[in-house]
C-alpha cells in the first residue's frame, strides 16, 4: 500500500472515497466495484487516514473536515 499511498493515484482515491462517503453516495461505488474491491479501497482509505492524521480520532476527524472543505471549494 505504501507505493499507492505515495502516488497521485492514492491521493485521488482517498479524496474520492471521502467525498462519496460524506455525501451518502457510497452504494454506487460498492455496486460498481463489488464488495471485495470496495473493501480493498476502504482499507486503503483507512491506511491513508492513519498515515495523514495519526491514531488520534479527533485528529482524523479534523483532517477529514479540512479535506472536505477543500473539496467543496472546487
Protein backbone atom coordinates (compact mmCIF):
# COMPACT_ATOMS: atom_id res chain seq x y z
CA UNK A 1 0.00 0.00 0.00
CA UNK A 2 2.94 2.32 0.58
CA UNK A 3 3.54 2.69 -3.19
CA UNK A 4 -0.07 3.71 -3.83
CA UNK A 5 -0.11 5.96 -0.77
CA UNK A 6 2.90 7.88 -2.07
CA UNK A 7 1.46 8.26 -5.57
CA UNK A 8 -1.00 10.75 -7.01
CA UNK A 9 -3.38 7.86 -7.60
CA UNK A 10 -3.55 7.21 -3.86
CA UNK A 11 -4.33 10.85 -3.15
CA UNK A 12 -7.20 10.84 -5.68
CA UNK A 13 -8.57 7.52 -4.42
CA UNK A 14 -8.64 8.80 -0.83
CA UNK A 15 -10.32 12.07 -1.82
CA UNK A 16 -12.94 10.26 -3.91
CA UNK A 17 -13.70 7.77 -1.14
CA UNK A 18 -14.09 10.54 1.43
CA UNK A 19 -16.31 12.60 -0.90
CA UNK A 20 -18.73 9.80 -1.80
CA UNK A 21 -18.92 8.56 1.80
CA UNK A 22 -19.59 12.08 3.10
CA UNK A 23 -22.32 12.74 0.51
CA UNK A 24 -24.11 9.44 1.12
CA UNK A 25 -23.24 8.07 -2.29
CA UNK A 26 -21.22 5.07 -1.16
CA UNK A 27 -23.70 2.50 -2.51
CA UNK A 28 -22.83 3.31 -6.12
CA UNK A 29 -19.10 2.55 -5.73
CA UNK A 30 -19.97 -0.56 -3.71
CA UNK A 31 -22.12 -1.87 -6.57
CA UNK A 32 -19.62 -0.76 -9.20
CA UNK A 33 -16.52 -2.17 -7.52
CA UNK A 34 -18.17 -5.18 -5.87
CA UNK A 35 -17.62 -5.91 -2.20
CA UNK A 36 -14.07 -7.30 -2.44
CA UNK A 37 -12.66 -4.34 -4.35
CA UNK A 38 -14.66 -1.89 -2.25
CA UNK A 39 -13.22 -3.42 0.92
CA UNK A 40 -9.70 -3.01 -0.51
CA UNK A 41 -10.38 0.67 -1.23
CA UNK A 42 -11.90 1.17 2.22
CA UNK A 43 -8.85 -0.49 3.78
CA UNK A 44 -6.60 1.76 1.71
CA UNK A 45 -8.52 4.83 2.86
CA UNK A 46 -8.09 3.80 6.49
CA UNK A 47 -4.35 3.28 5.85
CA UNK A 48 -4.18 6.70 4.16
CA UNK A 49 -6.04 8.40 7.00
CA UNK A 50 -3.80 6.79 9.62
CA UNK A 51 -0.70 7.99 7.77
CA UNK A 52 -2.03 11.50 7.25
CA UNK A 53 -3.66 12.14 10.63
CA UNK A 54 -2.28 9.52 13.00
CA UNK A 55 -4.12 7.33 15.52
CA UNK A 56 -5.95 10.12 17.33
CA UNK A 57 -9.65 10.03 16.38
CA UNK A 58 -10.04 13.80 16.86
CA UNK A 59 -7.08 14.43 14.54
CA UNK A 60 -8.64 12.12 11.95
CA UNK A 61 -11.97 13.93 12.17
CA UNK A 62 -10.20 17.28 11.82
CA UNK A 63 -8.20 16.03 8.82
CA UNK A 64 -11.36 14.77 7.11
CA UNK A 65 -13.15 18.05 7.83
CA UNK A 66 -10.29 20.02 6.33
CA UNK A 67 -10.23 17.80 3.24
CA UNK A 68 -13.99 18.14 2.77
CA UNK A 69 -13.76 21.93 2.96
CA UNK A 70 -11.08 21.91 0.28
CA UNK A 71 -13.03 19.50 -1.91
CA UNK A 72 -16.26 21.53 -1.61
CA UNK A 73 -14.44 24.73 -2.65
CA UNK A 74 -13.60 23.22 -6.04
